[in-house]
Amino acid sequence: MKKILAAILIVSLALVSFSAEYKDVPINHWAYDAVQRVSDIGILEGYPDGTFKGMENVNRYQLTLTVSRTIDYVEENMISPLAQEIADLESKLSSLNTTQSSVSSSQLNNLSELVNSMDLRVSDLEGKVNELESSYELLGYTTTKIDELERKISSMNSSSVNQNTVSNLTSRISKLENDLNTAMENMNAMGSSNNNLSKRLDSVSSQVENNANELERINTLLANLNSKIDMKSDSMSISEMERKINNLESNFDLVDQNRSDISNLESQVSTVENSVSELSKQVETNKNAISQVSESSSGVNIVDILISVALSAGVSFAIFSFMGN
């Protein structure tokens, strides 16, 4: 165990002494810690000019070297010490088997716990190694795709690609500018429409407010009118109402009496009209007879005198008859 601790201490000191600083990776860069870590343990190296050049592409050779260094680091710093510890434990167990009779049960329990702990650590390391192998396969697949892309790019005519790309971008930019202008015009039109709507809304709101005020005024008038009606009905006594009812009944009696008088007058007028009609007939008969007599005489118009006398007598008779009834 002391040897293992000493080895870890030596490796840590060596890593600190060989810590790399790159000019193009500032301390506030988001990948600064990761770059320093993989550089310190020797998985990645910078360029001779002291730069890291993190934006450059990685070829398959560089990728293979990186994965190989990672596996070596895991084997040397993780698997090898554990393998050595396991070997030491196995030797201790073999030596303990010879002296098992002299070993207490507590010591055996401690050894069993230690072995179980080592098994867990070995399982953990195996899982990490499997993850590294999976990562290596993924990196290999990615590298293959990158190589295919590089071959396609190299086989293409760069000038035609650039020209077509620029032409497409120019047309797209023009279309976007037109769309933007159209959108701005629509937005301005919508703004004016919104202003008109706001004005109309203000007008409608004022009308609604005026209507509400008018309605409130009408309600107030109705309330006052109802109160006046209530006051009027309260002030009218029952005796006054009875008096008015009696007056109305007496008026109805007078109306009935007048109606009978009117009926009598109508009958009398009808009688007078009949009498006048008879007189007219008699006068006409007498007129004809007198006319025949007067045709043979001369001088005063006797017919006119007799007609006047007859009419006066008939009218006087009718009037006296009407007044007498």
C-alpha atoms as a PDB file:
ATOM      1  CA  MET A   1       0.000   0.000   0.000  1.00  0.00           C
ATOM      2  CA  LYS A   2       2.867   2.384   0.763  1.00  0.00           C
ATOM      3  CA  LYS A   3       4.353   1.665  -2.648  1.00  0.00           C
ATOM      4  CA  ILE A   4       1.038   2.497  -4.322  1.00  0.00           C
ATOM      5  CA  LEU A   5       0.710   5.790  -2.454  1.00  0.00           C
ATOM      6  CA  ALA A   6       4.282   6.714  -3.351  1.00  0.00           C
ATOM      7  CA  ALA A   7       3.650   5.956  -7.024  1.00  0.00           C
ATOM      8  CA  ILE A   8       0.491   8.074  -7.033  1.00  0.00           C
ATOM      9  CA  LEU A   9       2.365  10.939  -5.359  1.00  0.00           C
ATOM     10  CA  ILE A  10       5.182  10.752  -7.923  1.00  0.00           C
ATOM     11  CA  VAL A  11       2.700  10.763 -10.816  1.00  0.00           C
ATOM     12  CA  SER A  12       0.849  13.747  -9.343  1.00  0.00           C
ATOM     13  CA  LEU A  13       4.064  15.721  -8.937  1.00  0.00           C
ATOM     14  CA  ALA A  14       5.088  14.867 -12.462  1.00  0.00           C
ATOM     15  CA  LEU A  15       1.751  16.000 -13.825  1.00  0.00           C
ATOM     16  CA  VAL A  16       1.975  19.280 -11.948  1.00  0.00           C
ATOM     17  CA  SER A  17       5.515  19.873 -13.177  1.00  0.00           C
ATOM     18  CA  PHE A  18       4.513  19.168 -16.769  1.00  0.00           C
ATOM     19  CA  SER A  19       1.331  21.268 -16.649  1.00  0.00           C
ATOM     20  CA  ALA A  20       0.835  22.934 -20.017  1.00  0.00           C
ATOM     21  CA  GLU A  21      -0.365  26.448 -20.666  1.00  0.00           C
ATOM     22  CA  TYR A  22      -1.640  27.377 -24.139  1.00  0.00           C
ATOM     23  CA  LYS A  23      -1.698  30.875 -25.532  1.00  0.00           C
ATOM     24  CA  ASP A  24      -5.003  30.405 -27.369  1.00  0.00           C
ATOM     25  CA  VAL A  25      -6.868  28.831 -24.403  1.00  0.00           C
ATOM     26  CA  PRO A  26      -7.498  31.579 -21.828  1.00  0.00           C
ATOM     27  CA  ILE A  27      -8.330  30.706 -18.259  1.00  0.00           C
ATOM     28  CA  ASN A  28     -11.939  31.895 -18.690  1.00  0.00           C
ATOM     29  CA  HIS A  29     -12.549  29.616 -21.680  1.00  0.00           C
ATOM     30  CA  TRP A  30     -15.378  27.106 -21.159  1.00  0.00           C
ATOM     31  CA  ALA A  31     -13.076  24.142 -22.033  1.00  0.00           C
ATOM     32  CA  TYR A  32     -10.009  25.388 -20.143  1.00  0.00           C
ATOM     33  CA  ASP A  33     -10.164  22.775 -17.353  1.00  0.00           C
ATOM     34  CA  ALA A  34     -10.697  19.881 -19.748  1.00  0.00           C
ATOM     35  CA  VAL A  35      -7.832  20.998 -22.014  1.00  0.00           C
ATOM     36  CA  GLN A  36      -5.483  21.322 -19.060  1.00  0.00           C
ATOM     37  CA  ARG A  37      -6.486  17.943 -17.668  1.00  0.00           C
ATOM     38  CA  VAL A  38      -5.969  15.928 -20.877  1.00  0.00           C
ATOM     39  CA  SER A  39      -2.735  17.833 -21.531  1.00  0.00           C
ATOM     40  CA  ASP A  40      -1.422  17.255 -18.017  1.00  0.00           C
ATOM     41  CA  ILE A  41      -1.977  13.494 -18.163  1.00  0.00           C
ATOM     42  CA  GLY A  42      -0.366  13.338 -21.623  1.00  0.00           C
ATOM     43  CA  ILE A  43      -3.371  12.360 -23.736  1.00  0.00           C
ATOM     44  CA  LEU A  44      -3.241  15.520 -25.899  1.00  0.00           C
ATOM     45  CA  GLU A  45      -0.318  17.766 -26.766  1.00  0.00           C
ATOM     46  CA  GLY A  46      -0.094  21.295 -28.077  1.00  0.00           C
ATOM     47  CA  TYR A  47       1.783  22.627 -31.076  1.00  0.00           C
ATOM     48  CA  PRO A  48       5.426  23.714 -30.901  1.00  0.00           C
ATOM     49  CA  ASP A  49       4.397  27.375 -31.032  1.00  0.00           C
ATOM     50  CA  GLY A  50       2.587  26.991 -27.679  1.00  0.00           C
ATOM     51  CA  THR A  51      -0.965  26.931 -29.068  1.00  0.00           C
ATOM     52  CA  PHE A  52      -3.696  24.320 -28.786  1.00  0.00           C
ATOM     53  CA  LYS A  53      -5.701  25.155 -31.946  1.00  0.00           C
ATOM     54  CA  GLY A  54      -8.921  23.690 -30.637  1.00  0.00           C
ATOM     55  CA  MET A  55     -10.959  24.575 -33.771  1.00  0.00           C
ATOM     56  CA  GLU A  56      -8.828  22.496 -36.187  1.00  0.00           C
ATOM     57  CA  ASN A  57     -10.066  19.135 -37.497  1.00  0.00           C
ATOM     58  CA  VAL A  58      -8.612  15.866 -36.173  1.00  0.00           C
ATOM     59  CA  ASN A  59      -7.479  13.174 -38.614  1.00  0.00           C
ATOM     60  CA  ARG A  60      -7.611   9.460 -37.948  1.00  0.00           C
ATOM     61  CA  TYR A  61      -3.954   9.232 -36.996  1.00  0.00           C
ATOM     62  CA  GLN A  62      -4.327  11.888 -34.322  1.00  0.00           C
ATOM     63  CA  LEU A  63      -7.525  10.262 -33.102  1.00  0.00           C
ATOM     64  CA  THR A  64      -5.896   6.850 -32.893  1.00  0.00           C
ATOM     65  CA  LEU A  65      -2.941   8.270 -30.971  1.00  0.00           C
ATOM     66  CA  THR A  66      -5.288  10.012 -28.531  1.00  0.00           C
ATOM     67  CA  VAL A  67      -7.332   6.865 -27.881  1.00  0.00           C
ATOM     68  CA  SER A  68      -4.163   4.790 -27.463  1.00  0.00           C
ATOM     69  CA  ARG A  69      -2.761   7.243 -24.908  1.00  0.00           C
ATOM     70  CA  THR A  70      -6.086   7.180 -23.059  1.00  0.00           C
ATOM     71  CA  ILE A  71      -6.043   3.385 -22.856  1.00  0.00           C
ATOM     72  CA  ASP A  72      -2.401   3.410 -21.731  1.00  0.00           C
ATOM     73  CA  TYR A  73      -3.206   5.964 -19.057  1.00  0.00           C
ATOM     74  CA  VAL A  74      -6.103   3.884 -17.757  1.00  0.00           C
ATOM     75  CA  GLU A  75      -4.041   0.710 -17.746  1.00  0.00           C
ATOM     76  CA  GLU A  76      -1.021   2.299 -16.065  1.00  0.00           C
ATOM     77  CA  ASN A  77      -2.765   4.469 -13.494  1.00  0.00           C
ATOM     78  CA  MET A  78      -5.917   2.494 -12.740  1.00  0.00           C
ATOM     79  CA  ILE A  79      -5.825  -1.106 -13.865  1.00  0.00           C
ATOM     80  CA  SER A  80      -2.156  -1.875 -13.106  1.00  0.00           C
ATOM     81  CA  PRO A  81      -2.263  -0.599  -9.495  1.00  0.00           C
ATOM     82  CA  LEU A  82      -5.464  -2.518  -8.911  1.00  0.00           C
ATOM     83  CA  ALA A  83      -3.997  -5.629 -10.472  1.00  0.00           C
ATOM     84  CA  GLN A  84      -0.977  -5.233  -8.222  1.00  0.00           C
ATOM     85  CA  GLU A  85      -3.245  -4.785  -5.220  1.00  0.00           C
ATOM     86  CA  ILE A  86      -5.209  -7.873  -6.197  1.00  0.00           C
ATOM     87  CA  ALA A  87      -1.987  -9.850  -6.602  1.00  0.00           C
ATOM     88  CA  ASP A  88      -0.812  -8.649  -3.201  1.00  0.00           C
ATOM     89  CA  LEU A  89      -4.149  -9.601  -1.695  1.00  0.00           C
ATOM     90  CA  GLU A  90      -4.015 -13.014  -3.302  1.00  0.00           C
ATOM     91  CA  SER A  91      -0.531 -13.583  -1.916  1.00  0.00           C
ATOM     92  CA  LYS A  92      -1.750 -12.447   1.466  1.00  0.00           C
ATOM     93  CA  LEU A  93      -4.705 -14.786   1.217  1.00  0.00           C
ATOM     94  CA  SER A  94      -2.475 -17.662   0.260  1.00  0.00           C
ATOM     95  CA  SER A  95      -0.250 -16.909   3.230  1.00  0.00           C
ATOM     96  CA  LEU A  96      -3.295 -16.583   5.418  1.00  0.00           C
ATOM     97  CA  ASN A  97      -4.542 -19.971   4.338  1.00  0.00           C
ATOM     98  CA  THR A  98      -1.442 -21.547   5.817  1.00  0.00           C
ATOM     99  CA  THR A  99      -2.029 -19.814   9.130  1.00  0.00           C
ATOM    100  CA  GLN A 100      -5.827 -19.860   9.095  1.00  0.00           C
ATOM    101  CA  SER A 101      -5.996 -21.641  12.395  1.00  0.00           C
ATOM    102  CA  SER A 102      -4.238 -18.739  14.098  1.00  0.00           C
ATOM    103  CA  VAL A 103      -6.358 -16.024  12.426  1.00  0.00           C
ATOM    104  CA  SER A 104      -9.346 -14.629  14.277  1.00  0.00           C
ATOM    105  CA  SER A 105     -12.834 -14.322  12.798  1.00  0.00           C
ATOM    106  CA  SER A 106     -12.670 -10.511  12.901  1.00  0.00           C
ATOM    107  CA  GLN A 107      -9.559 -10.501  10.725  1.00  0.00           C
ATOM    108  CA  LEU A 108     -11.270 -12.827   8.248  1.00  0.00           C
ATOM    109  CA  ASN A 109     -14.256 -10.476   8.093  1.00  0.00           C
ATOM    110  CA  ASN A 110     -11.961  -7.532   7.441  1.00  0.00           C
ATOM    111  CA  LEU A 111     -10.225  -9.407   4.653  1.00  0.00           C
ATOM    112  CA  SER A 112     -13.560 -10.397   3.149  1.00  0.00           C
ATOM    113  CA  GLU A 113     -14.741  -6.791   3.154  1.00  0.00           C
ATOM    114  CA  LEU A 114     -11.472  -5.698   1.568  1.00  0.00           C
ATOM    115  CA  VAL A 115     -11.805  -8.308  -1.174  1.00  0.00           C
ATOM    116  CA  ASN A 116     -15.384  -7.253  -1.846  1.00  0.00           C
ATOM    117  CA  SER A 117     -14.244  -3.654  -2.082  1.00  0.00           C
ATOM    118  CA  MET A 118     -11.556  -4.635  -4.577  1.00  0.00           C
ATOM    119  CA  ASP A 119     -14.095  -6.557  -6.634  1.00  0.00           C
ATOM    120  CA  LEU A 120     -16.314  -3.494  -6.798  1.00  0.00           C
ATOM    121  CA  ARG A 121     -13.434  -1.329  -7.906  1.00  0.00           C
ATOM    122  CA  VAL A 122     -12.434  -3.862 -10.551  1.00  0.00           C
ATOM    123  CA  SER A 123     -16.034  -3.971 -11.833  1.00  0.00           C
ATOM    124  CA  ASP A 124     -16.084  -0.193 -11.960  1.00  0.00           C
ATOM    125  CA  LEU A 125     -12.843  -0.133 -13.937  1.00  0.00           C
ATOM    126  CA  GLU A 126     -14.134  -2.750 -16.333  1.00  0.00           C
ATOM    127  CA  GLY A 127     -17.201  -0.606 -16.955  1.00  0.00           C
ATOM    128  CA  LYS A 128     -15.004   2.411 -17.643  1.00  0.00           C
ATOM    129  CA  VAL A 129     -12.857   0.380 -20.049  1.00  0.00           C
ATOM    130  CA  ASN A 130     -16.009  -0.746 -21.866  1.00  0.00           C
ATOM    131  CA  GLU A 131     -17.130   2.859 -22.100  1.00  0.00           C
ATOM    132  CA  LEU A 132     -13.754   3.794 -23.557  1.00  0.00           C
ATOM    133  CA  GLU A 133     -14.044   1.026 -26.120  1.00  0.00           C
ATOM    134  CA  SER A 134     -17.529   2.255 -27.067  1.00  0.00           C
ATOM    135  CA  SER A 135     -16.184   5.776 -27.351  1.00  0.00           C
ATOM    136  CA  TYR A 136     -13.348   4.509 -29.524  1.00  0.00           C
ATOM    137  CA  GLU A 137     -15.854   2.809 -31.844  1.00  0.00           C
ATOM    138  CA  LEU A 138     -17.932   5.996 -31.996  1.00  0.00           C
ATOM    139  CA  LEU A 139     -14.831   8.031 -32.758  1.00  0.00           C
ATOM    140  CA  GLY A 140     -13.893   5.590 -35.498  1.00  0.00           C
ATOM    141  CA  TYR A 141     -17.360   5.923 -37.052  1.00  0.00           C
ATOM    142  CA  THR A 142     -17.146   9.712 -36.824  1.00  0.00           C
ATOM    143  CA  THR A 143     -13.697   9.680 -38.422  1.00  0.00           C
ATOM    144  CA  THR A 144     -15.000   7.543 -41.276  1.00  0.00           C
ATOM    145  CA  LYS A 145     -17.814  10.000 -41.920  1.00  0.00           C
ATOM    146  CA  ILE A 146     -15.365  12.900 -41.821  1.00  0.00           C
ATOM    147  CA  ASP A 147     -13.135  11.153 -44.378  1.00  0.00           C
ATOM    148  CA  GLU A 148     -16.130  10.564 -46.649  1.00  0.00           C
ATOM    149  CA  LEU A 149     -17.095  14.213 -46.347  1.00  0.00           C
ATOM    150  CA  GLU A 150     -13.547  15.313 -47.159  1.00  0.00           C
ATOM    151  CA  ARG A 151     -13.524  13.111 -50.257  1.00  0.00           C
ATOM    152  CA  LYS A 152     -16.856  14.551 -51.412  1.00  0.00           C
ATOM    153  CA  ILE A 153     -15.640  18.085 -50.854  1.00  0.00           C
ATOM    154  CA  SER A 154     -12.396  17.440 -52.719  1.00  0.00           C
ATOM    155  CA  SER A 155     -14.287  15.915 -55.669  1.00  0.00           C
ATOM    156  CA  MET A 156     -16.571  18.915 -56.014  1.00  0.00           C
ATOM    157  CA  ASN A 157     -15.768  22.005 -58.034  1.00  0.00           C
ATOM    158  CA  SER A 158     -15.170  24.615 -55.391  1.00  0.00           C
ATOM    159  CA  SER A 159     -15.689  27.581 -57.728  1.00  0.00           C
ATOM    160  CA  SER A 160     -19.089  26.370 -58.971  1.00  0.00           C
ATOM    161  CA  VAL A 161     -20.150  25.517 -55.437  1.00  0.00           C
ATOM    162  CA  ASN A 162     -19.200  28.943 -54.187  1.00  0.00           C
ATOM    163  CA  GLN A 163     -20.891  30.670 -57.107  1.00  0.00           C
ATOM    164  CA  ASN A 164     -24.102  28.682 -56.715  1.00  0.00           C
ATOM    165  CA  THR A 165     -24.044  29.200 -52.973  1.00  0.00           C
ATOM    166  CA  VAL A 166     -23.572  32.951 -53.335  1.00  0.00           C
ATOM    167  CA  SER A 167     -26.349  33.128 -55.933  1.00  0.00           C
ATOM    168  CA  ASN A 168     -28.736  31.175 -53.720  1.00  0.00           C
ATOM    169  CA  LEU A 169     -27.870  33.282 -50.713  1.00  0.00           C
ATOM    170  CA  THR A 170     -28.357  36.491 -52.721  1.00  0.00           C
ATOM    171  CA  SER A 171     -31.790  35.412 -53.935  1.00  0.00           C
ATOM    172  CA  ARG A 172     -32.787  34.325 -50.441  1.00  0.00           C
ATOM    173  CA  ILE A 173     -31.612  37.643 -48.982  1.00  0.00           C
ATOM    174  CA  SER A 174     -33.595  39.559 -51.618  1.00  0.00           C
ATOM    175  CA  LYS A 175     -36.679  37.503 -50.860  1.00  0.00           C
ATOM    176  CA  LEU A 176     -36.222  38.079 -47.147  1.00  0.00           C
ATOM    177  CA  GLU A 177     -35.863  41.835 -47.730  1.00  0.00           C
ATOM    178  CA  ASN A 178     -39.076  41.877 -49.769  1.00  0.00           C
ATOM    179  CA  ASP A 179     -40.859  39.881 -47.094  1.00  0.00           C
ATOM    180  CA  LEU A 180     -39.544  42.269 -44.462  1.00  0.00           C
ATOM    181  CA  ASN A 181     -40.749  45.323 -46.401  1.00  0.00           C
ATOM    182  CA  THR A 182     -44.153  43.725 -46.895  1.00  0.00           C
ATOM    183  CA  ALA A 183     -44.339  42.895 -43.202  1.00  0.00           C
ATOM    184  CA  MET A 184     -43.412  46.488 -42.296  1.00  0.00           C
ATOM    185  CA  GLU A 185     -46.113  47.860 -44.616  1.00  0.00           C
ATOM    186  CA  ASN A 186     -48.672  45.485 -43.148  1.00  0.00           C
ATOM    187  CA  MET A 187     -47.599  46.489 -39.668  1.00  0.00           C
ATOM    188  CA  ASN A 188     -47.981  50.204 -40.518  1.00  0.00           C
ATOM    189  CA  ALA A 189     -51.409  49.546 -42.033  1.00  0.00           C
ATOM    190  CA  MET A 190     -52.403  47.601 -38.957  1.00  0.00           C
ATOM    191  CA  GLY A 191     -51.151  50.479 -36.817  1.00  0.00           C
ATOM    192  CA  SER A 192     -53.352  52.998 -38.663  1.00  0.00           C
ATOM    193  CA  SER A 193     -56.291  50.585 -38.471  1.00  0.00           C
ATOM    194  CA  ASN A 194     -55.690  50.223 -34.755  1.00  0.00           C
ATOM    195  CA  ASN A 195     -55.684  54.017 -34.400  1.00  0.00           C
ATOM    196  CA  ASN A 196     -58.999  54.275 -36.270  1.00  0.00           C
ATOM    197  CA  LEU A 197     -60.456  51.496 -34.176  1.00  0.00           C
ATOM    198  CA  SER A 198     -59.241  53.237 -31.035  1.00  0.00           C
ATOM    199  CA  LYS A 199     -60.941  56.481 -32.111  1.00  0.00           C
ATOM    200  CA  ARG A 200     -64.173  54.666 -32.935  1.00  0.00           C
ATOM    201  CA  LEU A 201     -63.954  52.810 -29.646  1.00  0.00           C
ATOM    202  CA  ASP A 202     -63.512  56.097 -27.792  1.00  0.00           C
ATOM    203  CA  SER A 203     -66.536  57.537 -29.630  1.00  0.00           C
ATOM    204  CA  VAL A 204     -68.647  54.485 -28.851  1.00  0.00           C
ATOM    205  CA  SER A 205     -67.485  54.590 -25.237  1.00  0.00           C
ATOM    206  CA  SER A 206     -68.526  58.237 -24.951  1.00  0.00           C
ATOM    207  CA  GLN A 207     -71.913  57.438 -26.517  1.00  0.00           C
ATOM    208  CA  VAL A 208     -72.367  54.530 -24.144  1.00  0.00           C
ATOM    209  CA  GLU A 209     -71.482  56.793 -21.258  1.00  0.00           C
ATOM    210  CA  ASN A 210     -73.961  59.430 -22.459  1.00  0.00           C
ATOM    211  CA  ASN A 211     -76.646  56.770 -22.862  1.00  0.00           C
ATOM    212  CA  ALA A 212     -75.885  55.496 -19.396  1.00  0.00           C
ATOM    213  CA  ASN A 213     -76.206  59.037 -18.004  1.00  0.00           C
ATOM    214  CA  GLU A 214     -79.471  59.564 -19.884  1.00  0.00           C
ATOM    215  CA  LEU A 215     -80.792  56.232 -18.654  1.00  0.00           C
ATOM    216  CA  GLU A 216     -79.842  57.162 -15.127  1.00  0.00           C
ATOM    217  CA  ARG A 217     -81.645  60.502 -15.527  1.00  0.00           C
ATOM    218  CA  ILE A 218     -84.768  58.722 -16.843  1.00  0.00           C
ATOM    219  CA  ASN A 219     -84.629  56.285 -13.939  1.00  0.00           C
ATOM    220  CA  THR A 220     -84.417  59.241 -11.572  1.00  0.00           C
ATOM    221  CA  LEU A 221     -87.433  60.889 -13.225  1.00  0.00           C
ATOM    222  CA  LEU A 222     -89.376  57.622 -13.042  1.00  0.00           C
ATOM    223  CA  ALA A 223     -88.495  57.270  -9.395  1.00  0.00           C
ATOM    224  CA  ASN A 224     -89.665  60.845  -8.717  1.00  0.00           C
ATOM    225  CA  LEU A 225     -92.859  60.234 -10.694  1.00  0.00           C
ATOM    226  CA  ASN A 226     -93.555  57.021  -8.802  1.00  0.00           C
ATOM    227  CA  SER A 227     -92.978  58.796  -5.525  1.00  0.00           C
ATOM    228  CA  LYS A 228     -95.367  61.585  -6.579  1.00  0.00           C
ATOM    229  CA  ILE A 229     -97.979  59.022  -7.615  1.00  0.00           C
ATOM    230  CA  ASP A 230     -97.559  57.263  -4.295  1.00  0.00           C
ATOM    231  CA  MET A 231     -97.884  60.569  -2.453  1.00  0.00           C
ATOM    232  CA  LYS A 232    -100.992  61.469  -4.493  1.00  0.00           C
ATOM    233  CA  SER A 233    -102.609  58.115  -3.821  1.00  0.00           C
ATOM    234  CA  ASP A 234    -101.772  58.413  -0.136  1.00  0.00           C
ATOM    235  CA  SER A 235    -103.215  61.928   0.132  1.00  0.00           C
ATOM    236  CA  MET A 236    -106.550  60.939  -1.452  1.00  0.00           C
ATOM    237  CA  SER A 237    -108.935  59.869   1.325  1.00  0.00           C
ATOM    238  CA  ILE A 238    -111.512  57.130   1.078  1.00  0.00           C
ATOM    239  CA  SER A 239    -114.381  59.570   1.633  1.00  0.00           C
ATOM    240  CA  GLU A 240    -113.223  61.715  -1.276  1.00  0.00           C
ATOM    241  CA  MET A 241    -113.063  58.667  -3.468  1.00  0.00           C
ATOM    242  CA  GLU A 242    -116.630  57.714  -2.418  1.00  0.00           C
ATOM    243  CA  ARG A 243    -117.815  61.272  -3.175  1.00  0.00           C
ATOM    244  CA  LYS A 244    -116.279  61.120  -6.615  1.00  0.00           C
ATOM    245  CA  ILE A 245    -117.889  57.744  -7.236  1.00  0.00           C
ATOM    246  CA  ASN A 246    -121.296  59.146  -6.194  1.00  0.00           C
ATOM    247  CA  ASN A 247    -120.817  62.126  -8.528  1.00  0.00           C
ATOM    248  CA  LEU A 248    -119.975  59.765 -11.340  1.00  0.00           C
ATOM    249  CA  GLU A 249    -123.114  57.707 -10.621  1.00  0.00           C
ATOM    250  CA  SER A 250    -125.285  60.851 -10.602  1.00  0.00           C
ATOM    251  CA  ASN A 251    -123.695  61.941 -13.874  1.00  0.00           C
ATOM    252  CA  PHE A 252    -124.514  58.541 -15.308  1.00  0.00           C
ATOM    253  CA  ASP A 253    -128.168  59.005 -14.212  1.00  0.00           C
ATOM    254  CA  LEU A 254    -128.292  62.414 -15.901  1.00  0.00           C
ATOM    255  CA  VAL A 255    -126.829  60.919 -19.021  1.00  0.00           C
ATOM    256  CA  ASP A 256    -129.509  58.228 -19.039  1.00  0.00           C
ATOM    257  CA  GLN A 257    -132.233  60.865 -18.524  1.00  0.00           C
ATOM    258  CA  ASN A 258    -130.836  63.055 -21.293  1.00  0.00           C
ATOM    259  CA  ARG A 259    -130.649  60.007 -23.490  1.00  0.00           C
ATOM    260  CA  SER A 260    -134.416  59.384 -22.990  1.00  0.00           C
ATOM    261  CA  ASP A 261    -135.165  63.088 -23.628  1.00  0.00           C
ATOM    262  CA  ILE A 262    -133.120  62.990 -26.775  1.00  0.00           C
ATOM    263  CA  SER A 263    -135.022  59.916 -27.889  1.00  0.00           C
ATOM    264  CA  ASN A 264    -138.326  61.731 -27.314  1.00  0.00           C
ATOM    265  CA  LEU A 265    -137.082  64.775 -29.197  1.00  0.00           C
ATOM    266  CA  GLU A 266    -135.993  62.586 -32.080  1.00  0.00           C
ATOM    267  CA  SER A 267    -139.482  61.046 -32.270  1.00  0.00           C
ATOM    268  CA  GLN A 268    -141.092  64.499 -32.125  1.00  0.00           C
ATOM    269  CA  VAL A 269    -138.809  65.809 -34.845  1.00  0.00           C
ATOM    270  CA  SER A 270    -139.701  62.803 -36.946  1.00  0.00           C
ATOM    271  CA  THR A 271    -143.428  63.578 -36.417  1.00  0.00           C
ATOM    272  CA  VAL A 272    -142.887  67.213 -37.392  1.00  0.00           C
ATOM    273  CA  GLU A 273    -140.967  66.150 -40.466  1.00  0.00           C
ATOM    274  CA  ASN A 274    -143.848  63.875 -41.460  1.00  0.00           C
ATOM    275  CA  SER A 275    -146.348  66.696 -40.885  1.00  0.00           C
ATOM    276  CA  VAL A 276    -144.277  69.089 -42.947  1.00  0.00           C
ATOM    277  CA  SER A 277    -144.044  66.501 -45.684  1.00  0.00           C
ATOM    278  CA  GLU A 278    -147.847  66.086 -45.705  1.00  0.00           C
ATOM    279  CA  LEU A 279    -148.285  69.852 -45.738  1.00  0.00           C
ATOM    280  CA  SER A 280    -145.860  70.119 -48.609  1.00  0.00           C
ATOM    281  CA  LYS A 281    -147.857  67.575 -50.543  1.00  0.00           C
ATOM    282  CA  GLN A 282    -151.135  69.403 -49.799  1.00  0.00           C
ATOM    283  CA  VAL A 283    -149.567  72.732 -50.706  1.00  0.00           C
ATOM    284  CA  GLU A 284    -148.329  71.298 -53.964  1.00  0.00           C
ATOM    285  CA  THR A 285    -151.828  69.946 -54.696  1.00  0.00           C
ATOM    286  CA  ASN A 286    -153.426  73.272 -53.868  1.00  0.00           C
ATOM    287  CA  LYS A 287    -150.805  75.066 -55.929  1.00  0.00           C
ATOM    288  CA  ASN A 288    -151.646  73.022 -58.943  1.00  0.00           C
ATOM    289  CA  ALA A 289    -155.367  73.619 -58.479  1.00  0.00           C
ATOM    290  CA  ILE A 290    -154.899  77.339 -57.965  1.00  0.00           C
ATOM    291  CA  SER A 291    -152.595  77.509 -60.964  1.00  0.00           C
ATOM    292  CA  GLN A 292    -155.328  76.124 -63.112  1.00  0.00           C
ATOM    293  CA  VAL A 293    -157.778  78.747 -61.778  1.00  0.00           C
ATOM    294  CA  SER A 294    -155.299  81.609 -62.115  1.00  0.00           C
ATOM    295  CA  GLU A 295    -154.534  80.893 -65.713  1.00  0.00           C
ATOM    296  CA  SER A 296    -157.956  82.268 -66.664  1.00  0.00           C
ATOM    297  CA  SER A 297    -157.702  85.409 -64.490  1.00  0.00           C
ATOM    298  CA  SER A 298    -155.416  88.445 -64.550  1.00  0.00           C
ATOM    299  CA  GLY A 299    -154.074  90.982 -62.070  1.00  0.00           C
ATOM    300  CA  VAL A 300    -152.650  90.051 -58.717  1.00  0.00           C
ATOM    301  CA  ASN A 301    -150.871  86.678 -58.471  1.00  0.00           C
ATOM    302  CA  ILE A 302    -153.314  84.974 -56.134  1.00  0.00           C
ATOM    303  CA  VAL A 303    -151.357  81.728 -56.254  1.00  0.00           C
ATOM    304  CA  ASP A 304    -148.288  83.200 -54.595  1.00  0.00           C
ATOM    305  CA  ILE A 305    -150.397  84.790 -51.856  1.00  0.00           C
ATOM    306  CA  LEU A 306    -152.201  81.560 -51.125  1.00  0.00           C
ATOM    307  CA  ILE A 307    -148.936  79.575 -51.066  1.00  0.00           C
ATOM    308  CA  SER A 308    -147.387  82.001 -48.598  1.00  0.00           C
ATOM    309  CA  VAL A 309    -150.440  81.857 -46.333  1.00  0.00           C
ATOM    310  CA  ALA A 310    -150.541  78.083 -46.469  1.00  0.00           C
ATOM    311  CA  LEU A 311    -146.847  77.709 -45.704  1.00  0.00           C
ATOM    312  CA  SER A 312    -147.074  80.135 -42.778  1.00  0.00           C
ATOM    313  CA  ALA A 313    -150.065  78.289 -41.382  1.00  0.00           C
ATOM    314  CA  GLY A 314    -148.369  74.919 -41.772  1.00  0.00           C
ATOM    315  CA  VAL A 315    -145.151  76.034 -40.134  1.00  0.00           C
ATOM    316  CA  SER A 316    -147.044  77.702 -37.287  1.00  0.00           C
ATOM    317  CA  PHE A 317    -149.074  74.569 -36.758  1.00  0.00           C
ATOM    318  CA  ALA A 318    -145.951  72.423 -36.651  1.00  0.00           C
ATOM    319  CA  ILE A 319    -144.214  74.752 -34.194  1.00  0.00           C
ATOM    320  CA  PHE A 320    -147.203  74.909 -31.892  1.00  0.00           C
ATOM    321  CA  SER A 321    -147.552  71.173 -32.011  1.00  0.00           C
ATOM    322  CA  PHE A 322    -143.862  70.694 -31.142  1.00  0.00           C
ATOM    323  CA  MET A 323    -143.973  73.234 -28.305  1.00  0.00           C
ATOM    324  CA  GLY A 324    -147.187  71.785 -26.934  1.00  0.00           C
ATOM    325  CA  ASN A 325    -145.684  68.335 -26.678  1.00  0.00           C
END
